[in-house]
Amino acid sequence: MYDYNPFIIFSNSKVIYTNEAGEYLLSFVSFKDIYNKIISKAPKDKGFLYVHEKFDFGKFSYDYALIGYDNYEEIGVRFYQNIKPVKDINTDFESFNIYFIIDLVRIYIFIDKDIKFIDVFDVDLPDIVFDKNKIINALKKVYELFKDNDIVETEVKLKIGEYLKIKNKKYKILEISIGKTNKKLFIEDDLIDIINDNQKISILIPFITKEQK
C-alpha cells in the first residue's frame, strides 16, 4: 500500500533518508524550506512532538506533523494529510500508529546497517493511546541490542486472556516481541513491562484505543 505521508530525515540540514512520498514532495519543494520550517517547530529536548497546525508548501498542504530527534545531528519529520488531532485526550497520551513508531525507531537505529527484518504484524490493529516517548525510548533500548544482528524479528500482537487494570478500567495487553538474542534488558516503568524469554525481549503495554479513553 502506498504511503501518502512524507517521511524525511535530515542530518546537518541535508536529506539522508526519505520515503517515496517524501521524494515526491522534495521534487517540488526546496529541502531548505522544509528543514527551516520543522526546525522552528522541533521539541526543545530530545524526543518526538506532534505539531497540530497546517504545513503549507505551495500546492502541498498537511494537517499536522510528527517532528523529533534522538541526537543533535539528525532530525526527522512525518507530515500527515486529513488527520485531525484526538479530542479530550491528555497531550502526553495521543493516538498513534504503533507500526509507524517501530519503523521510525528502526530507521534511526539501523540506518547504516544491512538488516533483514522479519515482521509479524496484525494489520487490523487500530491506533493506540499511550505515552509515545515512553514507547519510543523502550523500543530504542531493545533495538540497540540487535545492532550486530543480520536478522531482526518483530512480532506485534494482543495477548490472549491477559489484562491490565488502570483506574478501575480493564485493558488488553499489547505485546511487542523482538528477537533473537540472549541479551537481557530491564526497564523500570509503571506502565511498561519487559519480559526476557526464549531468545526474545518483549515489551508489554496496556492496549488503549481512542474509543476506550
Protein backbone atom coordinates (compact mmCIF):
# COMPACT_ATOMS: atom_id res chain seq x y z
CA MET A 1 0.00 0.00 0.00
CA TYR A 2 1.36 3.41 -0.98
CA ASP A 3 2.15 5.72 1.93
CA TYR A 4 0.98 9.26 1.12
CA ASN A 5 2.56 10.78 4.24
CA PRO A 6 6.06 12.15 3.53
CA PHE A 7 8.76 10.96 5.92
CA ILE A 8 12.11 12.78 5.76
CA ILE A 9 15.26 12.63 7.92
CA PHE A 10 17.81 15.43 7.85
CA SER A 11 21.41 15.38 9.06
CA ASN A 12 23.19 18.73 9.39
CA SER A 13 20.44 20.26 7.21
CA LYS A 14 20.93 17.67 4.42
CA VAL A 15 18.46 14.92 3.49
CA ILE A 16 19.76 11.45 4.41
CA TYR A 17 16.54 9.45 4.15
CA THR A 18 13.08 9.83 2.64
CA ASN A 19 10.23 7.57 1.67
CA GLU A 20 8.59 7.73 -1.77
CA ALA A 21 6.08 10.40 -0.74
CA GLY A 22 8.94 12.45 0.68
CA GLU A 23 10.86 12.17 -2.59
CA TYR A 24 7.81 13.43 -4.46
CA LEU A 25 7.43 16.40 -2.12
CA LEU A 26 11.14 17.25 -2.46
CA SER A 27 10.85 17.26 -6.24
CA PHE A 28 8.65 20.36 -5.94
CA VAL A 29 9.76 21.97 -2.67
CA SER A 30 13.24 23.01 -1.56
CA PHE A 31 14.57 20.81 1.24
CA LYS A 32 15.80 24.01 2.91
CA ASP A 33 12.23 25.34 3.13
CA ILE A 34 11.08 22.12 4.80
CA TYR A 35 14.11 21.95 7.09
CA ASN A 36 13.78 25.57 8.24
CA LYS A 37 10.08 25.12 8.98
CA ILE A 38 10.47 21.96 11.05
CA ILE A 39 13.50 23.29 12.94
CA SER A 40 11.37 26.18 14.16
CA LYS A 41 8.74 23.70 15.44
CA ALA A 42 11.02 20.98 16.84
CA PRO A 43 10.91 20.00 20.54
CA LYS A 44 13.48 21.70 22.74
CA ASP A 45 14.71 18.40 24.14
CA LYS A 46 15.33 15.01 22.55
CA GLY A 47 12.08 13.25 21.73
CA PHE A 48 9.13 13.47 19.35
CA LEU A 49 6.39 16.07 19.20
CA TYR A 50 3.08 16.19 17.34
CA VAL A 51 2.63 19.71 15.94
CA HIS A 52 -1.09 20.31 15.30
CA GLU A 53 -1.05 23.06 12.69
CA LYS A 54 -1.13 23.45 8.92
CA PHE A 55 2.08 22.96 6.98
CA ASP A 56 1.77 24.54 3.53
CA PHE A 57 4.37 24.13 0.79
CA GLY A 58 2.90 25.59 -2.39
CA LYS A 59 0.33 23.10 -3.72
CA PHE A 60 1.08 20.68 -0.86
CA SER A 61 -0.79 21.05 2.41
CA TYR A 62 -0.59 18.87 5.53
CA ASP A 63 -2.78 18.87 8.62
CA TYR A 64 -0.06 18.16 11.16
CA ALA A 65 3.40 16.69 11.60
CA LEU A 66 5.41 14.46 13.92
CA ILE A 67 8.82 16.08 14.45
CA GLY A 68 11.64 14.74 16.59
CA TYR A 69 15.21 13.66 17.12
CA ASP A 70 17.27 11.44 19.39
CA ASN A 71 20.62 13.10 18.70
CA TYR A 72 21.67 16.62 17.80
CA GLU A 73 22.90 15.79 14.29
CA GLU A 74 19.68 14.34 12.87
CA ILE A 75 16.02 15.36 12.87
CA GLY A 76 13.05 13.59 11.32
CA VAL A 77 9.59 14.69 10.22
CA ARG A 78 6.47 12.93 9.05
CA PHE A 79 3.68 15.04 7.55
CA TYR A 80 0.05 13.91 7.69
CA GLN A 81 -2.91 14.78 5.47
CA ASN A 82 -6.55 14.90 6.53
CA ILE A 83 -5.89 13.71 10.06
CA LYS A 84 -7.48 15.52 12.99
CA PRO A 85 -5.94 15.51 16.47
CA VAL A 86 -7.72 13.37 19.03
CA LYS A 87 -10.00 15.42 21.25
CA ASP A 88 -10.22 15.23 25.03
CA ILE A 89 -7.04 13.19 25.44
CA ASN A 90 -4.06 14.22 27.54
CA THR A 91 -1.33 15.58 25.23
CA ASP A 92 1.07 13.02 26.71
CA PHE A 93 -1.22 10.23 25.55
CA GLU A 94 -2.02 10.88 21.92
CA SER A 95 -3.30 8.36 19.43
CA PHE A 96 -0.64 6.97 17.10
CA ASN A 97 0.14 4.04 14.84
CA ILE A 98 2.46 1.61 16.60
CA TYR A 99 3.89 0.33 13.30
CA PHE A 100 4.97 3.82 12.28
CA ILE A 101 6.75 4.23 15.63
CA ILE A 102 8.50 0.87 15.16
CA ASP A 103 9.64 1.90 11.66
CA LEU A 104 10.79 5.29 12.92
CA VAL A 105 12.94 3.76 15.66
CA ARG A 106 14.41 1.12 13.34
CA ILE A 107 15.42 3.74 10.78
CA TYR A 108 17.33 5.66 13.46
CA ILE A 109 18.96 2.59 14.97
CA PHE A 110 19.82 0.68 11.80
CA ILE A 111 20.22 3.47 9.24
CA ASP A 112 23.79 2.37 8.36
CA LYS A 113 23.15 -1.35 8.79
CA ASP A 114 22.19 -4.04 6.30
CA ILE A 115 19.49 -5.77 8.33
CA LYS A 116 16.81 -8.21 7.23
CA PHE A 117 13.57 -7.52 9.10
CA ILE A 118 11.06 -10.31 9.61
CA ASP A 119 7.78 -8.80 10.81
CA VAL A 120 4.62 -10.47 12.03
CA PHE A 121 2.08 -7.68 12.38
CA ASP A 122 -1.67 -7.62 12.97
CA VAL A 123 -2.71 -5.29 10.14
CA ASP A 124 -6.14 -4.74 11.70
CA LEU A 125 -4.68 -3.29 14.89
CA PRO A 126 -6.07 0.24 15.43
CA ASP A 127 -4.08 3.26 16.57
CA ILE A 128 -3.24 3.14 20.26
CA VAL A 129 -3.26 5.73 23.02
CA PHE A 130 -0.08 5.77 25.07
CA ASP A 131 2.89 7.93 26.03
CA LYS A 132 4.71 7.86 22.68
CA ASN A 133 8.04 8.99 24.14
CA LYS A 134 7.99 6.11 26.61
CA ILE A 135 7.35 3.52 23.93
CA ILE A 136 9.95 5.11 21.63
CA ASN A 137 12.57 5.00 24.38
CA ALA A 138 11.73 1.39 25.21
CA LEU A 139 11.94 0.34 21.55
CA LYS A 140 15.25 2.17 21.15
CA LYS A 141 16.74 0.34 24.12
CA VAL A 142 15.60 -3.03 22.78
CA TYR A 143 16.65 -2.50 19.16
CA GLU A 144 20.04 -1.19 20.28
CA LEU A 145 20.79 -4.72 21.46
CA PHE A 146 20.33 -6.02 17.90
CA LYS A 147 22.78 -3.74 16.08
CA ASP A 148 25.12 -6.64 15.33
CA ASN A 149 22.37 -8.99 14.12
CA ASP A 150 21.87 -9.89 10.47
CA ILE A 151 18.19 -10.65 11.07
CA VAL A 152 15.77 -8.96 13.44
CA GLU A 153 12.35 -10.50 14.09
CA THR A 154 9.49 -8.35 15.37
CA GLU A 155 6.01 -9.55 16.30
CA VAL A 156 3.14 -7.34 17.46
CA LYS A 157 0.05 -8.98 18.92
CA LEU A 158 -2.57 -8.82 21.64
CA LYS A 159 -2.04 -11.26 24.49
CA ILE A 160 -4.96 -13.64 24.87
CA GLY A 161 -6.70 -13.83 28.23
CA GLU A 162 -4.44 -11.32 29.99
CA TYR A 163 -5.47 -7.86 31.12
CA LEU A 164 -4.25 -4.79 32.98
CA LYS A 165 -6.42 -2.72 35.28
CA ILE A 166 -5.84 1.05 35.25
CA LYS A 167 -8.10 3.37 37.25
CA ASN A 168 -10.68 0.60 37.59
CA LYS A 169 -10.73 0.00 33.82
CA LYS A 170 -9.63 -3.30 32.32
CA TYR A 171 -7.45 -3.22 29.21
CA LYS A 172 -5.97 -5.90 27.00
CA ILE A 173 -2.16 -6.15 26.76
CA LEU A 174 -0.23 -5.30 23.62
CA GLU A 175 2.96 -7.34 23.21
CA ILE A 176 5.88 -6.28 21.01
CA SER A 177 8.38 -9.15 20.82
CA ILE A 178 11.84 -8.69 19.27
CA GLY A 179 14.37 -11.46 18.69
CA LYS A 180 16.56 -13.39 18.58
CA THR A 181 19.10 -12.64 21.27
CA ASN A 182 20.49 -13.99 24.53
CA LYS A 183 20.93 -10.46 25.85
CA LYS A 184 18.71 -9.16 28.63
CA LEU A 185 17.06 -5.82 29.23
CA PHE A 186 15.38 -4.37 32.29
CA ILE A 187 13.33 -1.16 32.43
CA GLU A 188 11.69 0.32 35.49
CA ASP A 189 8.37 1.85 34.47
CA ASP A 190 4.89 1.73 35.92
CA LEU A 191 3.19 1.24 32.52
CA ILE A 192 5.78 -0.80 30.60
CA ASP A 193 6.84 -4.36 31.40
CA ILE A 194 9.85 -6.08 29.84
CA ILE A 195 9.94 -9.87 29.51
CA ASN A 196 13.18 -11.70 28.61
CA ASP A 197 12.29 -15.19 27.40
CA ASN A 198 13.01 -17.68 24.58
CA GLN A 199 15.69 -15.51 22.95
CA LYS A 200 13.22 -12.65 22.71
CA ILE A 201 12.69 -9.38 24.51
CA SER A 202 9.03 -8.43 24.82
CA ILE A 203 7.58 -5.01 25.59
CA LEU A 204 4.15 -5.17 27.24
CA ILE A 205 1.91 -2.12 27.39
CA PRO A 206 -1.82 -1.55 28.01
CA PHE A 207 -3.83 -1.67 24.78
CA ILE A 208 -5.85 1.53 24.87
CA THR A 209 -7.69 2.97 21.87
CA LYS A 210 -9.44 6.31 21.29
CA GLU A 211 -12.81 4.66 21.90
CA GLN A 212 -11.67 3.33 25.29
CA LYS A 213 -10.15 6.57 26.51
